Amino acid sequence: MEVIIRENGDLTIPQTIFANTNFKPGQKVIITIESGKIVISPDKEEILERFKQLSKNNYITHIDSDEIHEQMILERFKTI
């Protein structure tokens, strides 16, 4: 699809393209250049927030890495 870049560098993402993304109006995004192409990605905070929302439905509760390490040591001593 062809769009026109305005004199100030702005361009509008056509609605037909935008509708096929997970972006929302007002959302922060990161724009980078990769292999000569413009890439639009969700902001890192947005990605973290989406992950948090997904993890709310998970059955895994908080496990501290120190607890895991201690459990591993106890398991090793059981075999000695």
N, C-alpha and C. Protein backbone atom coordinates (compact mmCIF):
# COMPACT_ATOMS: atom_id res chain seq x y z
N MET A 1 0.84 -1.17 0.00
CA MET A 1 0.00 0.00 0.00
C MET A 1 0.89 1.24 0.00
N GLU A 2 0.55 2.18 -0.78
CA GLU A 2 1.34 3.39 -0.92
C GLU A 2 0.80 4.49 -0.02
N VAL A 3 1.72 5.18 0.70
CA VAL A 3 1.36 6.35 1.51
C VAL A 3 2.33 7.47 1.17
N ILE A 4 1.94 8.67 1.51
CA ILE A 4 2.78 9.84 1.23
C ILE A 4 3.37 10.35 2.54
N ILE A 5 4.68 10.56 2.53
CA ILE A 5 5.36 11.15 3.68
C ILE A 5 5.24 12.66 3.57
N ARG A 6 4.74 13.30 4.63
CA ARG A 6 4.58 14.75 4.62
C ARG A 6 5.94 15.44 4.72
N GLU A 7 5.94 16.74 4.48
CA GLU A 7 7.19 17.50 4.50
C GLU A 7 7.89 17.44 5.86
N ASN A 8 7.12 17.32 6.95
CA ASN A 8 7.72 17.26 8.28
C ASN A 8 8.17 15.84 8.66
N GLY A 9 7.99 14.87 7.75
CA GLY A 9 8.42 13.50 8.00
C GLY A 9 7.32 12.59 8.53
N ASP A 10 6.17 13.16 8.85
CA ASP A 10 5.05 12.34 9.35
C ASP A 10 4.47 11.49 8.24
N LEU A 11 3.94 10.35 8.63
CA LEU A 11 3.15 9.55 7.71
C LEU A 11 2.04 8.89 8.50
N THR A 12 0.99 8.55 7.83
CA THR A 12 -0.16 7.92 8.47
C THR A 12 -0.20 6.45 8.10
N ILE A 13 -0.38 5.60 9.11
CA ILE A 13 -0.53 4.17 8.85
C ILE A 13 -1.98 3.96 8.41
N PRO A 14 -2.19 3.40 7.23
CA PRO A 14 -3.56 3.19 6.76
C PRO A 14 -4.36 2.30 7.73
N GLN A 15 -5.64 2.59 7.85
CA GLN A 15 -6.51 1.86 8.78
C GLN A 15 -6.51 0.36 8.49
N THR A 16 -6.45 -0.02 7.22
CA THR A 16 -6.45 -1.45 6.88
C THR A 16 -5.21 -2.16 7.40
N ILE A 17 -4.08 -1.45 7.46
CA ILE A 17 -2.84 -2.02 8.02
C ILE A 17 -2.94 -2.00 9.54
N PHE A 18 -3.31 -0.86 10.11
CA PHE A 18 -3.39 -0.69 11.56
C PHE A 18 -4.35 -1.71 12.18
N ALA A 19 -5.44 -1.99 11.52
CA ALA A 19 -6.44 -2.93 12.04
C ALA A 19 -5.89 -4.35 12.18
N ASN A 20 -4.82 -4.65 11.46
CA ASN A 20 -4.23 -5.99 11.51
C ASN A 20 -3.05 -6.07 12.48
N THR A 21 -2.94 -5.09 13.37
CA THR A 21 -1.89 -5.09 14.39
C THR A 21 -2.54 -5.19 15.77
N ASN A 22 -1.70 -5.32 16.78
CA ASN A 22 -2.19 -5.30 18.17
C ASN A 22 -1.99 -3.94 18.80
N PHE A 23 -1.66 -2.94 18.01
CA PHE A 23 -1.45 -1.60 18.54
C PHE A 23 -2.78 -0.92 18.83
N LYS A 24 -2.75 -0.03 19.82
CA LYS A 24 -3.93 0.74 20.21
C LYS A 24 -3.62 2.23 20.05
N PRO A 25 -4.61 3.05 19.74
CA PRO A 25 -4.37 4.50 19.67
C PRO A 25 -3.80 5.02 20.98
N GLY A 26 -2.79 5.87 20.91
CA GLY A 26 -2.16 6.44 22.10
C GLY A 26 -1.06 5.57 22.70
N GLN A 27 -0.87 4.38 22.18
CA GLN A 27 0.15 3.46 22.70
C GLN A 27 1.54 3.94 22.32
N LYS A 28 2.51 3.79 23.25
CA LYS A 28 3.90 4.10 22.94
C LYS A 28 4.50 2.96 22.13
N VAL A 29 5.31 3.31 21.14
CA VAL A 29 5.98 2.30 20.32
C VAL A 29 7.44 2.69 20.15
N ILE A 30 8.22 1.74 19.71
CA ILE A 30 9.63 1.96 19.41
C ILE A 30 9.79 1.79 17.90
N ILE A 31 10.43 2.76 17.27
CA ILE A 31 10.67 2.70 15.83
C ILE A 31 12.16 2.54 15.61
N THR A 32 12.54 1.51 14.86
CA THR A 32 13.94 1.24 14.56
C THR A 32 14.10 1.01 13.05
N ILE A 33 15.33 0.98 12.63
CA ILE A 33 15.67 0.64 11.24
C ILE A 33 16.39 -0.70 11.29
N GLU A 34 15.86 -1.68 10.58
CA GLU A 34 16.48 -3.01 10.51
C GLU A 34 16.60 -3.41 9.05
N SER A 35 17.81 -3.63 8.62
CA SER A 35 18.08 -4.00 7.22
C SER A 35 17.44 -3.01 6.25
N GLY A 36 17.51 -1.72 6.59
CA GLY A 36 16.97 -0.69 5.72
C GLY A 36 15.47 -0.53 5.76
N LYS A 37 14.79 -1.23 6.67
CA LYS A 37 13.33 -1.14 6.77
C LYS A 37 12.94 -0.52 8.11
N ILE A 38 11.86 0.25 8.09
CA ILE A 38 11.34 0.83 9.33
C ILE A 38 10.53 -0.25 10.04
N VAL A 39 10.85 -0.47 11.32
CA VAL A 39 10.16 -1.49 12.12
C VAL A 39 9.52 -0.80 13.32
N ILE A 40 8.24 -1.05 13.52
CA ILE A 40 7.51 -0.47 14.65
C ILE A 40 7.19 -1.61 15.62
N SER A 41 7.65 -1.46 16.87
CA SER A 41 7.48 -2.49 17.89
C SER A 41 6.85 -1.87 19.13
N PRO A 42 6.18 -2.70 19.95
CA PRO A 42 5.64 -2.18 21.20
C PRO A 42 6.76 -1.68 22.11
N ASP A 43 6.48 -0.67 22.90
CA ASP A 43 7.41 -0.17 23.90
C ASP A 43 7.71 -1.29 24.89
N LYS A 44 8.92 -1.32 25.44
CA LYS A 44 9.31 -2.37 26.39
C LYS A 44 8.36 -2.44 27.58
N GLU A 45 7.93 -1.29 28.07
CA GLU A 45 6.99 -1.28 29.20
C GLU A 45 5.66 -1.91 28.80
N GLU A 46 5.26 -1.69 27.56
CA GLU A 46 4.02 -2.28 27.05
C GLU A 46 4.14 -3.80 26.99
N ILE A 47 5.30 -4.28 26.55
CA ILE A 47 5.52 -5.72 26.48
C ILE A 47 5.48 -6.32 27.89
N LEU A 48 6.13 -5.67 28.85
CA LEU A 48 6.10 -6.15 30.23
C LEU A 48 4.69 -6.18 30.79
N GLU A 49 3.91 -5.15 30.50
CA GLU A 49 2.54 -5.09 30.99
C GLU A 49 1.69 -6.21 30.40
N ARG A 50 1.88 -6.48 29.11
CA ARG A 50 1.15 -7.59 28.47
C ARG A 50 1.54 -8.93 29.11
N PHE A 51 2.83 -9.09 29.39
CA PHE A 51 3.30 -10.32 30.02
C PHE A 51 2.69 -10.48 31.41
N LYS A 52 2.64 -9.38 32.17
CA LYS A 52 2.04 -9.42 33.50
C LYS A 52 0.57 -9.82 33.43
N GLN A 53 -0.13 -9.27 32.45
CA GLN A 53 -1.55 -9.61 32.29
C GLN A 53 -1.71 -11.10 31.96
N LEU A 54 -0.85 -11.63 31.10
CA LEU A 54 -0.91 -13.05 30.77
C LEU A 54 -0.59 -13.92 31.98
N SER A 55 0.39 -13.49 32.78
CA SER A 55 0.81 -14.31 33.91
C SER A 55 -0.20 -14.31 35.05
N LYS A 56 -1.14 -13.36 35.07
CA LYS A 56 -2.17 -13.34 36.11
C LYS A 56 -3.02 -14.60 36.06
N ASN A 57 -3.16 -15.18 34.88
CA ASN A 57 -3.97 -16.39 34.73
C ASN A 57 -3.16 -17.66 34.96
N ASN A 58 -1.89 -17.51 35.26
CA ASN A 58 -1.03 -18.67 35.49
C ASN A 58 -1.21 -19.19 36.91
N TYR A 59 -0.94 -20.46 37.10
CA TYR A 59 -1.04 -21.06 38.41
C TYR A 59 0.27 -21.00 39.18
N ILE A 60 1.32 -20.53 38.55
CA ILE A 60 2.61 -20.44 39.20
C ILE A 60 2.63 -19.20 40.08
N THR A 61 3.03 -19.40 41.33
CA THR A 61 3.15 -18.26 42.23
C THR A 61 4.60 -17.85 42.29
N HIS A 62 4.89 -16.80 43.00
CA HIS A 62 6.25 -16.28 43.09
C HIS A 62 7.18 -17.33 43.71
N ILE A 63 8.27 -17.59 43.05
CA ILE A 63 9.30 -18.49 43.58
C ILE A 63 10.61 -17.72 43.55
N ASP A 64 11.23 -17.61 44.66
CA ASP A 64 12.49 -16.89 44.76
C ASP A 64 13.62 -17.79 44.29
N SER A 65 14.57 -17.24 43.55
CA SER A 65 15.68 -18.05 43.04
C SER A 65 16.50 -18.65 44.18
N ASP A 66 16.57 -17.96 45.33
CA ASP A 66 17.28 -18.52 46.48
C ASP A 66 16.59 -19.77 47.00
N GLU A 67 15.25 -19.77 46.96
CA GLU A 67 14.50 -20.95 47.38
C GLU A 67 14.79 -22.12 46.45
N ILE A 68 14.83 -21.86 45.18
CA ILE A 68 15.12 -22.92 44.20
C ILE A 68 16.52 -23.47 44.44
N HIS A 69 17.49 -22.60 44.65
CA HIS A 69 18.86 -23.03 44.90
C HIS A 69 18.93 -23.88 46.17
N GLU A 70 18.26 -23.45 47.20
CA GLU A 70 18.26 -24.20 48.46
C GLU A 70 17.62 -25.57 48.27
N GLN A 71 16.53 -25.64 47.51
CA GLN A 71 15.88 -26.92 47.23
C GLN A 71 16.82 -27.86 46.47
N MET A 72 17.58 -27.32 45.53
CA MET A 72 18.52 -28.13 44.76
C MET A 72 19.61 -28.70 45.67
N ILE A 73 20.12 -27.88 46.58
CA ILE A 73 21.16 -28.35 47.51
C ILE A 73 20.60 -29.45 48.40
N LEU A 74 19.41 -29.26 48.93
CA LEU A 74 18.80 -30.28 49.79
C LEU A 74 18.60 -31.59 49.04
N GLU A 75 18.18 -31.52 47.79
CA GLU A 75 17.98 -32.72 46.97
C GLU A 75 19.31 -33.44 46.75
N ARG A 76 20.38 -32.69 46.54
CA ARG A 76 21.70 -33.31 46.33
C ARG A 76 22.18 -34.03 47.59
N PHE A 77 21.93 -33.42 48.75
CA PHE A 77 22.38 -34.05 50.00
C PHE A 77 21.57 -35.30 50.32
N LYS A 78 20.36 -35.40 49.85
CA LYS A 78 19.53 -36.58 50.09
C LYS A 78 20.14 -37.80 49.40
N THR A 79 20.85 -37.58 48.29
CA THR A 79 21.41 -38.70 47.54
C THR A 79 22.77 -39.14 48.06
N ILE A 80 23.35 -38.39 49.00
CA ILE A 80 24.68 -38.73 49.51
C ILE A 80 24.55 -39.66 50.71
